[in-house]
């Protein structure tokens, strides 16, 4: 009788506790996941680095401002079954596609720099080549975007003038 009562209590708790408490926490995946392998000496982690949940059926768009006189490194990481990551860098003002990593066989890191501040849209989706149809429909994982930056060296700035 006591065993049945314990089972009932556990069943009620599972019904009461929201499902999102059991979900994956992706808030710091860009620092904890495979992205941390891309940390470069002399670069700082940019505050617009971001992590979110993603499935192979999702497309995520992020607005990011890249400030001038800085070099940036963008690194993406996710669950192994969601690779490769497809991302497109779009000029927010002109809507022109500036870079599509599909042309570089889904490169996971990109280095870039701007002379002046540039608002950009980053459109990201997971291709999930290693997943079967069932996993594509069911698998949700974390997507991390680690953005690192460093100021242009004085020598580089003088050469641009």
C-alpha atoms as a PDB file:
ATOM      1  CA  UNK A   1       0.000   0.000   0.000  1.00  0.00           C
ATOM      2  CA  UNK A   2       2.854   2.398   0.849  1.00  0.00           C
ATOM      3  CA  UNK A   3       4.534   1.643  -2.483  1.00  0.00           C
ATOM      4  CA  UNK A   4       1.379   2.542  -4.419  1.00  0.00           C
ATOM      5  CA  UNK A   5       1.106   5.795  -2.476  1.00  0.00           C
ATOM      6  CA  UNK A   6       4.733   6.693  -3.293  1.00  0.00           C
ATOM      7  CA  UNK A   7       4.147   5.979  -6.982  1.00  0.00           C
ATOM      8  CA  UNK A   8       1.060   8.205  -6.929  1.00  0.00           C
ATOM      9  CA  UNK A   9       3.012  11.045  -5.317  1.00  0.00           C
ATOM     10  CA  UNK A  10       5.816  10.774  -7.883  1.00  0.00           C
ATOM     11  CA  UNK A  11       3.277  10.679 -10.743  1.00  0.00           C
ATOM     12  CA  UNK A  12       1.543  13.800  -9.432  1.00  0.00           C
ATOM     13  CA  UNK A  13       4.894  15.607  -9.106  1.00  0.00           C
ATOM     14  CA  UNK A  14       5.747  14.810 -12.734  1.00  0.00           C
ATOM     15  CA  UNK A  15       2.417  16.262 -13.818  1.00  0.00           C
ATOM     16  CA  UNK A  16       2.824  19.398 -11.713  1.00  0.00           C
ATOM     17  CA  UNK A  17       6.462  20.213 -12.515  1.00  0.00           C
ATOM     18  CA  UNK A  18       6.662  22.037 -15.868  1.00  0.00           C
ATOM     19  CA  UNK A  19       8.418  20.215 -18.683  1.00  0.00           C
ATOM     20  CA  UNK A  20      10.830  23.061 -19.331  1.00  0.00           C
ATOM     21  CA  UNK A  21      12.553  22.314 -16.019  1.00  0.00           C
ATOM     22  CA  UNK A  22      13.715  19.041 -17.551  1.00  0.00           C
ATOM     23  CA  UNK A  23      14.765  20.681 -20.813  1.00  0.00           C
ATOM     24  CA  UNK A  24      18.310  21.375 -21.832  1.00  0.00           C
ATOM     25  CA  UNK A  25      19.919  24.549 -20.512  1.00  0.00           C
ATOM     26  CA  UNK A  26      21.748  26.210 -23.384  1.00  0.00           C
ATOM     27  CA  UNK A  27      22.453  29.624 -21.853  1.00  0.00           C
ATOM     28  CA  UNK A  28      26.251  29.213 -21.766  1.00  0.00           C
ATOM     29  CA  UNK A  29      26.806  26.615 -24.489  1.00  0.00           C
ATOM     30  CA  UNK A  30      29.078  29.038 -26.385  1.00  0.00           C
ATOM     31  CA  UNK A  31      31.415  28.953 -23.360  1.00  0.00           C
ATOM     32  CA  UNK A  32      30.962  25.314 -22.297  1.00  0.00           C
ATOM     33  CA  UNK A  33      30.509  23.495 -25.615  1.00  0.00           C
ATOM     34  CA  UNK A  34      33.018  22.804 -28.369  1.00  0.00           C
ATOM     35  CA  UNK A  35      33.293  26.550 -29.014  1.00  0.00           C
ATOM     36  CA  UNK A  36      35.696  26.931 -26.091  1.00  0.00           C
ATOM     37  CA  UNK A  37      38.252  25.041 -28.192  1.00  0.00           C
ATOM     38  CA  UNK A  38      38.309  28.050 -30.547  1.00  0.00           C
ATOM     39  CA  UNK A  39      39.279  30.625 -27.911  1.00  0.00           C
ATOM     40  CA  UNK A  40      42.196  32.604 -29.334  1.00  0.00           C
ATOM     41  CA  UNK A  41      45.005  34.204 -27.358  1.00  0.00           C
ATOM     42  CA  UNK A  42      44.781  37.991 -27.415  1.00  0.00           C
ATOM     43  CA  UNK A  43      41.036  38.004 -28.134  1.00  0.00           C
ATOM     44  CA  UNK A  44      38.244  38.854 -25.700  1.00  0.00           C
ATOM     45  CA  UNK A  45      34.790  37.247 -25.592  1.00  0.00           C
ATOM     46  CA  UNK A  46      32.285  39.656 -27.137  1.00  0.00           C
ATOM     47  CA  UNK A  47      29.168  40.341 -25.070  1.00  0.00           C
ATOM     48  CA  UNK A  48      26.940  39.515 -28.058  1.00  0.00           C
ATOM     49  CA  UNK A  49      28.045  35.867 -28.004  1.00  0.00           C
ATOM     50  CA  UNK A  50      24.891  33.811 -27.790  1.00  0.00           C
ATOM     51  CA  UNK A  51      23.488  30.330 -27.182  1.00  0.00           C
ATOM     52  CA  UNK A  52      20.032  28.949 -27.895  1.00  0.00           C
ATOM     53  CA  UNK A  53      18.157  25.727 -28.532  1.00  0.00           C
ATOM     54  CA  UNK A  54      17.898  24.590 -32.135  1.00  0.00           C
ATOM     55  CA  UNK A  55      16.635  21.651 -34.139  1.00  0.00           C
ATOM     56  CA  UNK A  56      17.289  20.747 -37.755  1.00  0.00           C
ATOM     57  CA  UNK A  57      13.881  22.244 -38.603  1.00  0.00           C
ATOM     58  CA  UNK A  58      14.679  25.676 -37.117  1.00  0.00           C
ATOM     59  CA  UNK A  59      16.232  28.812 -38.524  1.00  0.00           C
ATOM     60  CA  UNK A  60      17.556  31.296 -35.983  1.00  0.00           C
ATOM     61  CA  UNK A  61      18.155  34.961 -36.786  1.00  0.00           C
ATOM     62  CA  UNK A  62      20.326  37.198 -34.627  1.00  0.00           C
ATOM     63  CA  UNK A  63      21.009  40.913 -34.939  1.00  0.00           C
ATOM     64  CA  UNK A  64      24.590  41.752 -34.096  1.00  0.00           C
ATOM     65  CA  UNK A  65      26.442  45.050 -34.202  1.00  0.00           C
ATOM     66  CA  UNK A  66      30.091  44.789 -35.180  1.00  0.00           C
ATOM     67  CA  UNK A  67      32.013  47.878 -34.162  1.00  0.00           C
ATOM     68  CA  UNK A  68      34.731  49.401 -36.297  1.00  0.00           C
ATOM     69  CA  UNK A  69      38.482  49.048 -35.857  1.00  0.00           C
ATOM     70  CA  UNK A  70      38.140  45.501 -34.505  1.00  0.00           C
ATOM     71  CA  UNK A  71      38.898  41.987 -35.710  1.00  0.00           C
ATOM     72  CA  UNK A  72      36.260  39.367 -34.914  1.00  0.00           C
ATOM     73  CA  UNK A  73      36.174  35.576 -34.884  1.00  0.00           C
ATOM     74  CA  UNK A  74      32.775  33.864 -35.066  1.00  0.00           C
ATOM     75  CA  UNK A  75      32.737  30.204 -33.947  1.00  0.00           C
ATOM     76  CA  UNK A  76      29.711  27.913 -33.989  1.00  0.00           C
ATOM     77  CA  UNK A  77      29.194  24.742 -31.984  1.00  0.00           C
ATOM     78  CA  UNK A  78      26.311  22.324 -31.484  1.00  0.00           C
ATOM     79  CA  UNK A  79      25.456  18.677 -30.820  1.00  0.00           C
ATOM     80  CA  UNK A  80      27.396  16.304 -33.113  1.00  0.00           C
ATOM     81  CA  UNK A  81      24.199  15.087 -34.856  1.00  0.00           C
ATOM     82  CA  UNK A  82      23.190  18.635 -35.833  1.00  0.00           C
ATOM     83  CA  UNK A  83      26.379  19.422 -37.794  1.00  0.00           C
ATOM     84  CA  UNK A  84      27.098  21.012 -40.174  1.00  0.00           C
ATOM     85  CA  UNK A  85      25.937  24.500 -39.245  1.00  0.00           C
ATOM     86  CA  UNK A  86      24.818  26.724 -42.110  1.00  0.00           C
ATOM     87  CA  UNK A  87      25.094  30.462 -41.514  1.00  0.00           C
ATOM     88  CA  UNK A  88      24.592  33.533 -43.656  1.00  0.00           C
ATOM     89  CA  UNK A  89      25.854  37.019 -42.795  1.00  0.00           C
ATOM     90  CA  UNK A  90      23.511  39.739 -44.099  1.00  0.00           C
ATOM     91  CA  UNK A  91      23.993  43.516 -44.122  1.00  0.00           C
ATOM     92  CA  UNK A  92      21.074  44.791 -42.033  1.00  0.00           C
ATOM     93  CA  UNK A  93      20.742  48.040 -44.004  1.00  0.00           C
ATOM     94  CA  UNK A  94      20.979  46.778 -47.597  1.00  0.00           C
ATOM     95  CA  UNK A  95      19.820  43.159 -47.005  1.00  0.00           C
ATOM     96  CA  UNK A  96      22.790  42.053 -49.135  1.00  0.00           C
ATOM     97  CA  UNK A  97      24.294  38.644 -48.330  1.00  0.00           C
ATOM     98  CA  UNK A  98      27.926  39.317 -47.435  1.00  0.00           C
ATOM     99  CA  UNK A  99      28.914  35.750 -46.625  1.00  0.00           C
ATOM    100  CA  UNK A 100      27.385  32.277 -46.902  1.00  0.00           C
ATOM    101  CA  UNK A 101      29.426  29.438 -45.408  1.00  0.00           C
ATOM    102  CA  UNK A 102      27.789  26.964 -47.795  1.00  0.00           C
ATOM    103  CA  UNK A 103      30.305  28.223 -50.372  1.00  0.00           C
ATOM    104  CA  UNK A 104      33.127  27.135 -48.020  1.00  0.00           C
ATOM    105  CA  UNK A 105      31.750  23.654 -47.243  1.00  0.00           C
ATOM    106  CA  UNK A 106      30.042  24.827 -44.029  1.00  0.00           C
ATOM    107  CA  UNK A 107      33.101  26.286 -42.348  1.00  0.00           C
ATOM    108  CA  UNK A 108      32.422  26.543 -38.577  1.00  0.00           C
ATOM    109  CA  UNK A 109      34.564  29.624 -37.836  1.00  0.00           C
ATOM    110  CA  UNK A 110      34.921  32.916 -39.634  1.00  0.00           C
ATOM    111  CA  UNK A 111      37.325  35.794 -39.113  1.00  0.00           C
ATOM    112  CA  UNK A 112      36.254  39.282 -40.170  1.00  0.00           C
ATOM    113  CA  UNK A 113      36.831  42.941 -39.421  1.00  0.00           C
ATOM    114  CA  UNK A 114      35.168  46.267 -40.112  1.00  0.00           C
ATOM    115  CA  UNK A 115      36.542  49.794 -40.351  1.00  0.00           C
ATOM    116  CA  UNK A 116      33.230  51.299 -39.202  1.00  0.00           C
ATOM    117  CA  UNK A 117      30.330  49.995 -37.107  1.00  0.00           C
ATOM    118  CA  UNK A 118      28.127  47.587 -39.050  1.00  0.00           C
ATOM    119  CA  UNK A 119      24.763  46.153 -37.952  1.00  0.00           C
ATOM    120  CA  UNK A 120      24.372  42.627 -39.320  1.00  0.00           C
ATOM    121  CA  UNK A 121      21.825  39.843 -39.389  1.00  0.00           C
ATOM    122  CA  UNK A 122      23.151  36.355 -38.797  1.00  0.00           C
ATOM    123  CA  UNK A 123      20.832  33.624 -40.091  1.00  0.00           C
ATOM    124  CA  UNK A 124      21.700  30.138 -38.788  1.00  0.00           C
ATOM    125  CA  UNK A 125      20.298  26.644 -39.270  1.00  0.00           C
ATOM    126  CA  UNK A 126      21.513  23.114 -38.561  1.00  0.00           C
ATOM    127  CA  UNK A 127      21.826  20.789 -41.566  1.00  0.00           C
ATOM    128  CA  UNK A 128      22.026  17.602 -39.423  1.00  0.00           C
ATOM    129  CA  UNK A 129      23.662  15.376 -42.032  1.00  0.00           C
ATOM    130  CA  UNK A 130      24.409  12.632 -39.489  1.00  0.00           C
ATOM    131  CA  UNK A 131      20.796  12.373 -38.323  1.00  0.00           C
ATOM    132  CA  UNK A 132      18.068  10.123 -39.654  1.00  0.00           C
ATOM    133  CA  UNK A 133      14.534  11.402 -40.329  1.00  0.00           C
ATOM    134  CA  UNK A 134      13.302  10.542 -36.837  1.00  0.00           C
ATOM    135  CA  UNK A 135      16.189  12.386 -35.167  1.00  0.00           C
ATOM    136  CA  UNK A 136      15.680  15.408 -37.426  1.00  0.00           C
ATOM    137  CA  UNK A 137      12.089  15.660 -36.221  1.00  0.00           C
ATOM    138  CA  UNK A 138      12.855  14.949 -32.548  1.00  0.00           C
ATOM    139  CA  UNK A 139      16.413  16.119 -31.793  1.00  0.00           C
ATOM    140  CA  UNK A 140      16.792  19.502 -30.127  1.00  0.00           C
ATOM    141  CA  UNK A 141      20.256  20.608 -29.130  1.00  0.00           C
ATOM    142  CA  UNK A 142      22.160  23.690 -28.142  1.00  0.00           C
ATOM    143  CA  UNK A 143      23.650  26.062 -30.679  1.00  0.00           C
ATOM    144  CA  UNK A 144      26.501  28.217 -29.449  1.00  0.00           C
ATOM    145  CA  UNK A 145      27.898  31.290 -31.164  1.00  0.00           C
ATOM    146  CA  UNK A 146      31.159  32.417 -29.606  1.00  0.00           C
ATOM    147  CA  UNK A 147      32.225  35.845 -30.846  1.00  0.00           C
ATOM    148  CA  UNK A 148      35.729  37.004 -29.987  1.00  0.00           C
ATOM    149  CA  UNK A 149      37.272  40.369 -30.763  1.00  0.00           C
ATOM    150  CA  UNK A 150      40.415  42.404 -30.477  1.00  0.00           C
ATOM    151  CA  UNK A 151      41.186  45.971 -31.427  1.00  0.00           C
ATOM    152  CA  UNK A 152      43.106  46.609 -34.606  1.00  0.00           C
ATOM    153  CA  UNK A 153      46.781  47.036 -33.949  1.00  0.00           C
ATOM    154  CA  UNK A 154      48.081  50.607 -34.277  1.00  0.00           C
ATOM    155  CA  UNK A 155      50.185  49.495 -37.247  1.00  0.00           C
ATOM    156  CA  UNK A 156      47.120  48.172 -39.084  1.00  0.00           C
ATOM    157  CA  UNK A 157      45.149  51.386 -38.431  1.00  0.00           C
ATOM    158  CA  UNK A 158      48.002  53.552 -39.763  1.00  0.00           C
ATOM    159  CA  UNK A 159      48.221  51.419 -42.922  1.00  0.00           C
ATOM    160  CA  UNK A 160      44.496  51.982 -43.582  1.00  0.00           C
ATOM    161  CA  UNK A 161      44.860  55.774 -43.501  1.00  0.00           C
END
